[in-house]
Amino acid sequence: MMQGPALEFAAGLHAYFEVQESSRYTGYVQRKFAGFGIVYRYNDAIAPMLSYKFNRYRAGISYDITLSPLNRANGGAGDPEVTFTYLLPATY
């Protein structure tokens, strides 16, 4: 990402596992997934994350752990981040 003179590079991996199958006959029960992953922001931080995907929604929580020299300001501790996402039909 770029904003003015600032540049940020991040890479990560996220995996999902099916925790409930959809109903074969009625269609009333939708598939549900649990996920985990990690993101690395170049020269800045790592962020492990957990998520849960159901219907067209995804909820997740992650925690930034500071690796850069900024860790002197916060003792290496970062902040939790909570996300809620609505998935469009084409991406579901």
PDB file of N, CA and C in Angstrom:
ATOM      1  N   MET A   1       0.840  -1.168   0.000  1.00  0.00           N
ATOM      2  CA  MET A   1       0.000   0.000   0.000  1.00  0.00           C
ATOM      3  C   MET A   1       0.887   1.234   0.000  1.00  0.00           C
ATOM      4  N   MET A   2       0.419   2.260  -0.667  1.00  0.00           N
ATOM      5  CA  MET A   2       1.152   3.519  -0.705  1.00  0.00           C
ATOM      6  C   MET A   2       0.211   4.656  -0.332  1.00  0.00           C
ATOM      7  N   GLN A   3       0.717   5.558   0.494  1.00  0.00           N
ATOM      8  CA  GLN A   3      -0.025   6.765   0.846  1.00  0.00           C
ATOM      9  C   GLN A   3       1.002   7.883   0.950  1.00  0.00           C
ATOM     10  N   GLY A   4       1.001   8.754  -0.022  1.00  0.00           N
ATOM     11  CA  GLY A   4       2.010   9.804  -0.063  1.00  0.00           C
ATOM     12  C   GLY A   4       3.384   9.171  -0.160  1.00  0.00           C
ATOM     13  N   PRO A   5       4.327   9.588   0.679  1.00  0.00           N
ATOM     14  CA  PRO A   5       5.665   9.004   0.630  1.00  0.00           C
ATOM     15  C   PRO A   5       5.767   7.669   1.386  1.00  0.00           C
ATOM     16  N   ALA A   6       4.730   7.298   2.116  1.00  0.00           N
ATOM     17  CA  ALA A   6       4.778   6.069   2.915  1.00  0.00           C
ATOM     18  C   ALA A   6       4.471   4.842   2.056  1.00  0.00           C
ATOM     19  N   LEU A   7       5.174   3.741   2.340  1.00  0.00           N
ATOM     20  CA  LEU A   7       4.993   2.491   1.618  1.00  0.00           C
ATOM     21  C   LEU A   7       4.901   1.354   2.626  1.00  0.00           C
ATOM     22  N   GLU A   8       3.934   0.466   2.449  1.00  0.00           N
ATOM     23  CA  GLU A   8       3.773  -0.677   3.343  1.00  0.00           C
ATOM     24  C   GLU A   8       3.657  -1.941   2.511  1.00  0.00           C
ATOM     25  N   PHE A   9       4.387  -2.973   2.896  1.00  0.00           N
ATOM     26  CA  PHE A   9       4.328  -4.260   2.218  1.00  0.00           C
ATOM     27  C   PHE A   9       3.955  -5.314   3.252  1.00  0.00           C
ATOM     28  N   ALA A  10       2.939  -6.103   2.953  1.00  0.00           N
ATOM     29  CA  ALA A  10       2.493  -7.152   3.870  1.00  0.00           C
ATOM     30  C   ALA A  10       2.238  -8.437   3.091  1.00  0.00           C
ATOM     31  N   ALA A  11       2.542  -9.560   3.709  1.00  0.00           N
ATOM     32  CA  ALA A  11       2.281 -10.870   3.116  1.00  0.00           C
ATOM     33  C   ALA A  11       1.773 -11.793   4.213  1.00  0.00           C
ATOM     34  N   GLY A  12       0.896 -12.711   3.841  1.00  0.00           N
ATOM     35  CA  GLY A  12       0.362 -13.599   4.856  1.00  0.00           C
ATOM     36  C   GLY A  12      -0.252 -14.852   4.284  1.00  0.00           C
ATOM     37  N   LEU A  13      -0.724 -15.696   5.172  1.00  0.00           N
ATOM     38  CA  LEU A  13      -1.351 -16.950   4.813  1.00  0.00           C
ATOM     39  C   LEU A  13      -2.535 -17.169   5.737  1.00  0.00           C
ATOM     40  N   HIS A  14      -3.649 -17.604   5.161  1.00  0.00           N
ATOM     41  CA  HIS A  14      -4.853 -17.862   5.947  1.00  0.00           C
ATOM     42  C   HIS A  14      -5.464 -19.161   5.449  1.00  0.00           C
ATOM     43  N   ALA A  15      -5.778 -20.069   6.355  1.00  0.00           N
ATOM     44  CA  ALA A  15      -6.361 -21.364   5.979  1.00  0.00           C
ATOM     45  C   ALA A  15      -7.694 -21.559   6.688  1.00  0.00           C
ATOM     46  N   TYR A  16      -8.644 -22.168   5.971  1.00  0.00           N
ATOM     47  CA  TYR A  16      -9.965 -22.456   6.533  1.00  0.00           C
ATOM     48  C   TYR A  16     -10.186 -23.958   6.606  1.00  0.00           C
ATOM     49  N   PHE A  17     -10.914 -24.377   7.639  1.00  0.00           N
ATOM     50  CA  PHE A  17     -11.309 -25.761   7.794  1.00  0.00           C
ATOM     51  C   PHE A  17     -12.812 -25.821   7.988  1.00  0.00           C
ATOM     52  N   GLU A  18     -13.454 -26.727   7.292  1.00  0.00           N
ATOM     53  CA  GLU A  18     -14.902 -26.849   7.392  1.00  0.00           C
ATOM     54  C   GLU A  18     -15.263 -27.484   8.730  1.00  0.00           C
ATOM     55  N   VAL A  19     -16.128 -26.818   9.497  1.00  0.00           N
ATOM     56  CA  VAL A  19     -16.559 -27.347  10.794  1.00  0.00           C
ATOM     57  C   VAL A  19     -17.989 -27.863  10.751  1.00  0.00           C
ATOM     58  N   GLN A  20     -18.747 -27.494   9.703  1.00  0.00           N
ATOM     59  CA  GLN A  20     -20.100 -28.011   9.528  1.00  0.00           C
ATOM     60  C   GLN A  20     -20.443 -28.022   8.048  1.00  0.00           C
ATOM     61  N   GLU A  21     -20.922 -29.170   7.585  1.00  0.00           N
ATOM     62  CA  GLU A  21     -21.334 -29.289   6.193  1.00  0.00           C
ATOM     63  C   GLU A  21     -22.721 -28.703   5.998  1.00  0.00           C
ATOM     64  N   SER A  22     -23.033 -28.357   4.762  1.00  0.00           N
ATOM     65  CA  SER A  22     -24.372 -27.854   4.468  1.00  0.00           C
ATOM     66  C   SER A  22     -25.338 -29.030   4.363  1.00  0.00           C
ATOM     67  N   SER A  23     -26.594 -28.743   4.521  1.00  0.00           N
ATOM     68  CA  SER A  23     -27.639 -29.754   4.415  1.00  0.00           C
ATOM     69  C   SER A  23     -27.769 -30.219   2.971  1.00  0.00           C
ATOM     70  N   ARG A  24     -27.780 -31.499   2.741  1.00  0.00           N
ATOM     71  CA  ARG A  24     -27.888 -32.032   1.378  1.00  0.00           C
ATOM     72  C   ARG A  24     -29.303 -31.950   0.827  1.00  0.00           C
ATOM     73  N   TYR A  25     -30.293 -32.047   1.697  1.00  0.00           N
ATOM     74  CA  TYR A  25     -31.664 -32.172   1.224  1.00  0.00           C
ATOM     75  C   TYR A  25     -32.509 -30.913   1.422  1.00  0.00           C
ATOM     76  N   THR A  26     -32.387 -30.277   2.576  1.00  0.00           N
ATOM     77  CA  THR A  26     -33.253 -29.124   2.836  1.00  0.00           C
ATOM     78  C   THR A  26     -32.610 -27.792   2.469  1.00  0.00           C
ATOM     79  N   GLY A  27     -31.295 -27.711   2.552  1.00  0.00           N
ATOM     80  CA  GLY A  27     -30.612 -26.457   2.263  1.00  0.00           C
ATOM     81  C   GLY A  27     -30.701 -25.442   3.389  1.00  0.00           C
ATOM     82  N   TYR A  28     -31.291 -25.826   4.524  1.00  0.00           N
ATOM     83  CA  TYR A  28     -31.441 -24.887   5.644  1.00  0.00           C
ATOM     84  C   TYR A  28     -30.145 -24.698   6.426  1.00  0.00           C
ATOM     85  N   VAL A  29     -29.304 -25.697   6.446  1.00  0.00           N
ATOM     86  CA  VAL A  29     -28.046 -25.604   7.183  1.00  0.00           C
ATOM     87  C   VAL A  29     -26.939 -25.248   6.199  1.00  0.00           C
ATOM     88  N   GLN A  30     -26.240 -24.157   6.447  1.00  0.00           N
ATOM     89  CA  GLN A  30     -25.163 -23.692   5.584  1.00  0.00           C
ATOM     90  C   GLN A  30     -23.813 -24.171   6.109  1.00  0.00           C
ATOM     91  N   ARG A  31     -22.840 -24.259   5.209  1.00  0.00           N
ATOM     92  CA  ARG A  31     -21.480 -24.638   5.610  1.00  0.00           C
ATOM     93  C   ARG A  31     -20.896 -23.568   6.518  1.00  0.00           C
ATOM     94  N   LYS A  32     -20.065 -24.010   7.465  1.00  0.00           N
ATOM     95  CA  LYS A  32     -19.383 -23.099   8.381  1.00  0.00           C
ATOM     96  C   LYS A  32     -17.903 -23.472   8.413  1.00  0.00           C
ATOM     97  N   PHE A  33     -17.062 -22.453   8.539  1.00  0.00           N
ATOM     98  CA  PHE A  33     -15.621 -22.660   8.493  1.00  0.00           C
ATOM     99  C   PHE A  33     -14.935 -21.920   9.642  1.00  0.00           C
ATOM    100  N   ALA A  34     -13.893 -22.528  10.177  1.00  0.00           N
ATOM    101  CA  ALA A  34     -13.010 -21.876  11.141  1.00  0.00           C
ATOM    102  C   ALA A  34     -11.677 -21.676  10.435  1.00  0.00           C
ATOM    103  N   GLY A  35     -11.018 -20.570  10.713  1.00  0.00           N
ATOM    104  CA  GLY A  35      -9.759 -20.285  10.036  1.00  0.00           C
ATOM    105  C   GLY A  35      -8.709 -19.717  10.970  1.00  0.00           C
ATOM    106  N   PHE A  36      -7.468 -19.833  10.534  1.00  0.00           N
ATOM    107  CA  PHE A  36      -6.359 -19.224  11.260  1.00  0.00           C
ATOM    108  C   PHE A  36      -5.308 -18.798  10.246  1.00  0.00           C
ATOM    109  N   GLY A  37      -4.470 -17.890  10.650  1.00  0.00           N
ATOM    110  CA  GLY A  37      -3.436 -17.426   9.739  1.00  0.00           C
ATOM    111  C   GLY A  37      -2.484 -16.471  10.412  1.00  0.00           C
ATOM    112  N   ILE A  38      -1.601 -15.918   9.608  1.00  0.00           N
ATOM    113  CA  ILE A  38      -0.617 -14.963  10.113  1.00  0.00           C
ATOM    114  C   ILE A  38      -0.251 -14.007   8.977  1.00  0.00           C
ATOM    115  N   VAL A  39      -0.011 -12.757   9.319  1.00  0.00           N
ATOM    116  CA  VAL A  39       0.405 -11.732   8.354  1.00  0.00           C
ATOM    117  C   VAL A  39       1.700 -11.115   8.863  1.00  0.00           C
ATOM    118  N   TYR A  40       2.622 -10.873   7.950  1.00  0.00           N
ATOM    119  CA  TYR A  40       3.876 -10.210   8.276  1.00  0.00           C
ATOM    120  C   TYR A  40       3.935  -8.891   7.528  1.00  0.00           C
ATOM    121  N   ARG A  41       4.086  -7.802   8.262  1.00  0.00           N
ATOM    122  CA  ARG A  41       4.293  -6.483   7.659  1.00  0.00           C
ATOM    123  C   ARG A  41       5.797  -6.217   7.675  1.00  0.00           C
ATOM    124  N   TYR A  42       6.366  -6.034   6.491  1.00  0.00           N
ATOM    125  CA  TYR A  42       7.802  -5.898   6.323  1.00  0.00           C
ATOM    126  C   TYR A  42       8.392  -4.844   7.259  1.00  0.00           C
ATOM    127  N   ASN A  43       9.398  -5.243   8.029  1.00  0.00           N
ATOM    128  CA  ASN A  43      10.111  -4.381   8.974  1.00  0.00           C
ATOM    129  C   ASN A  43       9.188  -3.707   9.986  1.00  0.00           C
ATOM    130  N   ASP A  44       8.073  -4.340  10.339  1.00  0.00           N
ATOM    131  CA  ASP A  44       7.161  -3.697  11.276  1.00  0.00           C
ATOM    132  C   ASP A  44       6.583  -4.662  12.297  1.00  0.00           C
ATOM    133  N   ALA A  45       5.788  -5.650  11.858  1.00  0.00           N
ATOM    134  CA  ALA A  45       5.060  -6.461  12.827  1.00  0.00           C
ATOM    135  C   ALA A  45       4.599  -7.787  12.224  1.00  0.00           C
ATOM    136  N   ILE A  46       4.177  -8.687  13.100  1.00  0.00           N
ATOM    137  CA  ILE A  46       3.468  -9.894  12.686  1.00  0.00           C
ATOM    138  C   ILE A  46       2.105  -9.864  13.377  1.00  0.00           C
ATOM    139  N   ALA A  47       1.129 -10.502  12.753  1.00  0.00           N
ATOM    140  CA  ALA A  47      -0.226 -10.505  13.307  1.00  0.00           C
ATOM    141  C   ALA A  47      -0.861 -11.879  13.129  1.00  0.00           C
ATOM    142  N   PRO A  48      -0.873 -12.704  14.179  1.00  0.00           N
ATOM    143  CA  PRO A  48      -1.627 -13.955  14.099  1.00  0.00           C
ATOM    144  C   PRO A  48      -3.121 -13.647  14.152  1.00  0.00           C
ATOM    145  N   MET A  49      -3.945 -14.504  13.495  1.00  0.00           N
ATOM    146  CA  MET A  49      -5.377 -14.228  13.452  1.00  0.00           C
ATOM    147  C   MET A  49      -6.202 -15.510  13.489  1.00  0.00           C
ATOM    148  N   LEU A  50      -7.417 -15.365  13.979  1.00  0.00           N
ATOM    149  CA  LEU A  50      -8.428 -16.418  13.994  1.00  0.00           C
ATOM    150  C   LEU A  50      -9.690 -15.867  13.354  1.00  0.00           C
ATOM    151  N   SER A  51     -10.446 -16.724  12.647  1.00  0.00           N
ATOM    152  CA  SER A  51     -11.681 -16.246  12.030  1.00  0.00           C
ATOM    153  C   SER A  51     -12.713 -17.360  11.961  1.00  0.00           C
ATOM    154  N   TYR A  52     -13.943 -16.950  11.704  1.00  0.00           N
ATOM    155  CA  TYR A  52     -15.069 -17.869  11.573  1.00  0.00           C
ATOM    156  C   TYR A  52     -15.935 -17.364  10.431  1.00  0.00           C
ATOM    157  N   LYS A  53     -16.232 -18.221   9.452  1.00  0.00           N
ATOM    158  CA  LYS A  53     -17.002 -17.828   8.279  1.00  0.00           C
ATOM    159  C   LYS A  53     -18.306 -18.613   8.250  1.00  0.00           C
ATOM    160  N   PHE A  54     -19.419 -17.890   8.111  1.00  0.00           N
ATOM    161  CA  PHE A  54     -20.739 -18.512   8.080  1.00  0.00           C
ATOM    162  C   PHE A  54     -21.635 -17.711   7.148  1.00  0.00           C
ATOM    163  N   ASN A  55     -22.440 -18.404   6.370  1.00  0.00           N
ATOM    164  CA  ASN A  55     -23.284 -17.771   5.358  1.00  0.00           C
ATOM    165  C   ASN A  55     -22.448 -16.794   4.542  1.00  0.00           C
ATOM    166  N   ARG A  56     -22.823 -15.531   4.519  1.00  0.00           N
ATOM    167  CA  ARG A  56     -22.032 -14.533   3.783  1.00  0.00           C
ATOM    168  C   ARG A  56     -21.270 -13.599   4.715  1.00  0.00           C
ATOM    169  N   TYR A  57     -20.985 -14.063   5.910  1.00  0.00           N
ATOM    170  CA  TYR A  57     -20.309 -13.229   6.897  1.00  0.00           C
ATOM    171  C   TYR A  57     -19.022 -13.892   7.354  1.00  0.00           C
ATOM    172  N   ARG A  58     -18.068 -13.041   7.728  1.00  0.00           N
ATOM    173  CA  ARG A  58     -16.823 -13.527   8.306  1.00  0.00           C
ATOM    174  C   ARG A  58     -16.489 -12.629   9.491  1.00  0.00           C
ATOM    175  N   ALA A  59     -16.168 -13.239  10.610  1.00  0.00           N
ATOM    176  CA  ALA A  59     -15.754 -12.503  11.803  1.00  0.00           C
ATOM    177  C   ALA A  59     -14.356 -12.970  12.173  1.00  0.00           C
ATOM    178  N   GLY A  60     -13.530 -12.036  12.586  1.00  0.00           N
ATOM    179  CA  GLY A  60     -12.166 -12.412  12.919  1.00  0.00           C
ATOM    180  C   GLY A  60     -11.558 -11.531  13.983  1.00  0.00           C
ATOM    181  N   ILE A  61     -10.479 -12.038  14.548  1.00  0.00           N
ATOM    182  CA  ILE A  61      -9.702 -11.270  15.516  1.00  0.00           C
ATOM    183  C   ILE A  61      -8.224 -11.527  15.233  1.00  0.00           C
ATOM    184  N   SER A  62      -7.436 -10.472  15.326  1.00  0.00           N
ATOM    185  CA  SER A  62      -5.989 -10.592  15.153  1.00  0.00           C
ATOM    186  C   SER A  62      -5.306  -9.729  16.207  1.00  0.00           C
ATOM    187  N   TYR A  63      -4.005  -9.943  16.355  1.00  0.00           N
ATOM    188  CA  TYR A  63      -3.246  -9.180  17.342  1.00  0.00           C
ATOM    189  C   TYR A  63      -1.898  -8.826  16.740  1.00  0.00           C
ATOM    190  N   ASP A  64      -1.613  -7.537  16.626  1.00  0.00           N
ATOM    191  CA  ASP A  64      -0.327  -7.075  16.088  1.00  0.00           C
ATOM    192  C   ASP A  64       0.752  -7.183  17.152  1.00  0.00           C
ATOM    193  N   ILE A  65       1.880  -7.793  16.779  1.00  0.00           N
ATOM    194  CA  ILE A  65       3.047  -7.868  17.658  1.00  0.00           C
ATOM    195  C   ILE A  65       4.154  -7.075  16.974  1.00  0.00           C
ATOM    196  N   THR A  66       4.579  -5.989  17.589  1.00  0.00           N
ATOM    197  CA  THR A  66       5.538  -5.068  16.981  1.00  0.00           C
ATOM    198  C   THR A  66       6.943  -5.656  17.008  1.00  0.00           C
ATOM    199  N   LEU A  67       7.619  -5.650  15.848  1.00  0.00           N
ATOM    200  CA  LEU A  67       8.988  -6.134  15.727  1.00  0.00           C
ATOM    201  C   LEU A  67       9.974  -5.008  15.429  1.00  0.00           C
ATOM    202  N   SER A  68       9.486  -3.866  14.994  1.00  0.00           N
ATOM    203  CA  SER A  68      10.334  -2.748  14.585  1.00  0.00           C
ATOM    204  C   SER A  68      10.845  -1.992  15.819  1.00  0.00           C
ATOM    205  N   PRO A  69      11.714  -0.998  15.606  1.00  0.00           N
ATOM    206  CA  PRO A  69      12.191  -0.183  16.727  1.00  0.00           C
ATOM    207  C   PRO A  69      11.067   0.520  17.496  1.00  0.00           C
ATOM    208  N   LEU A  70       9.875   0.580  16.917  1.00  0.00           N
ATOM    209  CA  LEU A  70       8.749   1.170  17.646  1.00  0.00           C
ATOM    210  C   LEU A  70       8.366   0.356  18.884  1.00  0.00           C
ATOM    211  N   ASN A  71       8.893  -0.865  18.992  1.00  0.00           N
ATOM    212  CA  ASN A  71       8.539  -1.686  20.151  1.00  0.00           C
ATOM    213  C   ASN A  71       9.047  -1.083  21.462  1.00  0.00           C
ATOM    214  N   ARG A  72       9.969  -0.130  21.390  1.00  0.00           N
ATOM    215  CA  ARG A  72      10.396   0.567  22.619  1.00  0.00           C
ATOM    216  C   ARG A  72       9.255   1.399  23.184  1.00  0.00           C
ATOM    217  N   ALA A  73       8.383   1.887  22.308  1.00  0.00           N
ATOM    218  CA  ALA A  73       7.262   2.726  22.746  1.00  0.00           C
ATOM    219  C   ALA A  73       6.138   1.900  23.362  1.00  0.00           C
ATOM    220  N   ASN A  74       5.958   0.665  22.891  1.00  0.00           N
ATOM    221  CA  ASN A  74       4.840  -0.130  23.410  1.00  0.00           C
ATOM    222  C   ASN A  74       5.279  -1.449  24.038  1.00  0.00           C
ATOM    223  N   GLY A  75       6.573  -1.630  24.241  1.00  0.00           N
ATOM    224  CA  GLY A  75       7.063  -2.839  24.886  1.00  0.00           C
ATOM    225  C   GLY A  75       6.893  -4.088  24.027  1.00  0.00           C
ATOM    226  N   GLY A  76       6.758  -3.937  22.712  1.00  0.00           N
ATOM    227  CA  GLY A  76       6.589  -5.066  21.814  1.00  0.00           C
ATOM    228  C   GLY A  76       5.154  -5.518  21.672  1.00  0.00           C
ATOM    229  N   ALA A  77       4.316  -5.009  22.554  1.00  0.00           N
ATOM    230  CA  ALA A  77       2.900  -5.374  22.486  1.00  0.00           C
ATOM    231  C   ALA A  77       2.207  -4.518  21.438  1.00  0.00           C
ATOM    232  N   GLY A  78       1.280  -5.091  20.780  1.00  0.00           N
ATOM    233  CA  GLY A  78       0.540  -4.345  19.773  1.00  0.00           C
ATOM    234  C   GLY A  78      -0.886  -4.127  20.240  1.00  0.00           C
ATOM    235  N   ASP A  79      -1.800  -4.250  19.302  1.00  0.00           N
ATOM    236  CA  ASP A  79      -3.208  -4.033  19.608  1.00  0.00           C
ATOM    237  C   ASP A  79      -4.051  -5.128  18.983  1.00  0.00           C
ATOM    238  N   PRO A  80      -5.153  -5.479  19.646  1.00  0.00           N
ATOM    239  CA  PRO A  80      -6.087  -6.413  19.013  1.00  0.00           C
ATOM    240  C   PRO A  80      -6.900  -5.694  17.941  1.00  0.00           C
ATOM    241  N   GLU A  81      -7.328  -6.455  16.952  1.00  0.00           N
ATOM    242  CA  GLU A  81      -8.159  -5.903  15.890  1.00  0.00           C
ATOM    243  C   GLU A  81      -9.287  -6.887  15.623  1.00  0.00           C
ATOM    244  N   VAL A  82     -10.513  -6.390  15.599  1.00  0.00           N
ATOM    245  CA  VAL A  82     -11.690  -7.216  15.343  1.00  0.00           C
ATOM    246  C   VAL A  82     -12.251  -6.818  13.990  1.00  0.00           C
ATOM    247  N   THR A  83     -12.586  -7.805  13.154  1.00  0.00           N
ATOM    248  CA  THR A  83     -13.126  -7.516  11.836  1.00  0.00           C
ATOM    249  C   THR A  83     -14.440  -8.263  11.612  1.00  0.00           C
ATOM    250  N   PHE A  84     -15.344  -7.606  10.909  1.00  0.00           N
ATOM    251  CA  PHE A  84     -16.589  -8.218  10.442  1.00  0.00           C
ATOM    252  C   PHE A  84     -16.675  -7.920   8.952  1.00  0.00           C
ATOM    253  N   THR A  85     -16.903  -8.945   8.153  1.00  0.00           N
ATOM    254  CA  THR A  85     -16.902  -8.796   6.705  1.00  0.00           C
ATOM    255  C   THR A  85     -18.170  -9.389   6.115  1.00  0.00           C
ATOM    256  N   TYR A  86     -18.759  -8.677   5.154  1.00  0.00           N
ATOM    257  CA  TYR A  86     -19.864  -9.217   4.365  1.00  0.00           C
ATOM    258  C   TYR A  86     -19.289  -9.618   3.024  1.00  0.00           C
ATOM    259  N   LEU A  87     -19.512 -10.871   2.617  1.00  0.00           N
ATOM    260  CA  LEU A  87     -18.956 -11.401   1.382  1.00  0.00           C
ATOM    261  C   LEU A  87     -19.984 -11.279   0.260  1.00  0.00           C
ATOM    262  N   LEU A  88     -19.601 -10.678  -0.833  1.00  0.00           N
ATOM    263  CA  LEU A  88     -20.488 -10.560  -1.989  1.00  0.00           C
ATOM    264  C   LEU A  88     -20.743 -11.932  -2.601  1.00  0.00           C
ATOM    265  N   PRO A  89     -21.865 -12.122  -3.279  1.00  0.00           N
ATOM    266  CA  PRO A  89     -22.181 -13.440  -3.846  1.00  0.00           C
ATOM    267  C   PRO A  89     -21.096 -14.026  -4.740  1.00  0.00           C
ATOM    268  N   ALA A  90     -20.421 -13.223  -5.525  1.00  0.00           N
ATOM    269  CA  ALA A  90     -19.395 -13.738  -6.430  1.00  0.00           C
ATOM    270  C   ALA A  90     -18.168 -14.257  -5.682  1.00  0.00           C
ATOM    271  N   THR A  91     -17.922 -13.779  -4.451  1.00  0.00           N
ATOM    272  CA  THR A  91     -16.746 -14.198  -3.684  1.00  0.00           C
ATOM    273  C   THR A  91     -17.071 -15.240  -2.655  1.00  0.00           C
ATOM    274  N   TYR A  92     -18.335 -15.581  -2.505  1.00  0.00           N
ATOM    275  CA  TYR A  92     -18.750 -16.510  -1.467  1.00  0.00           C
ATOM    276  C   TYR A  92     -18.406 -17.903  -1.904  1.00  0.00           C
TER     277      TYR A  92
END
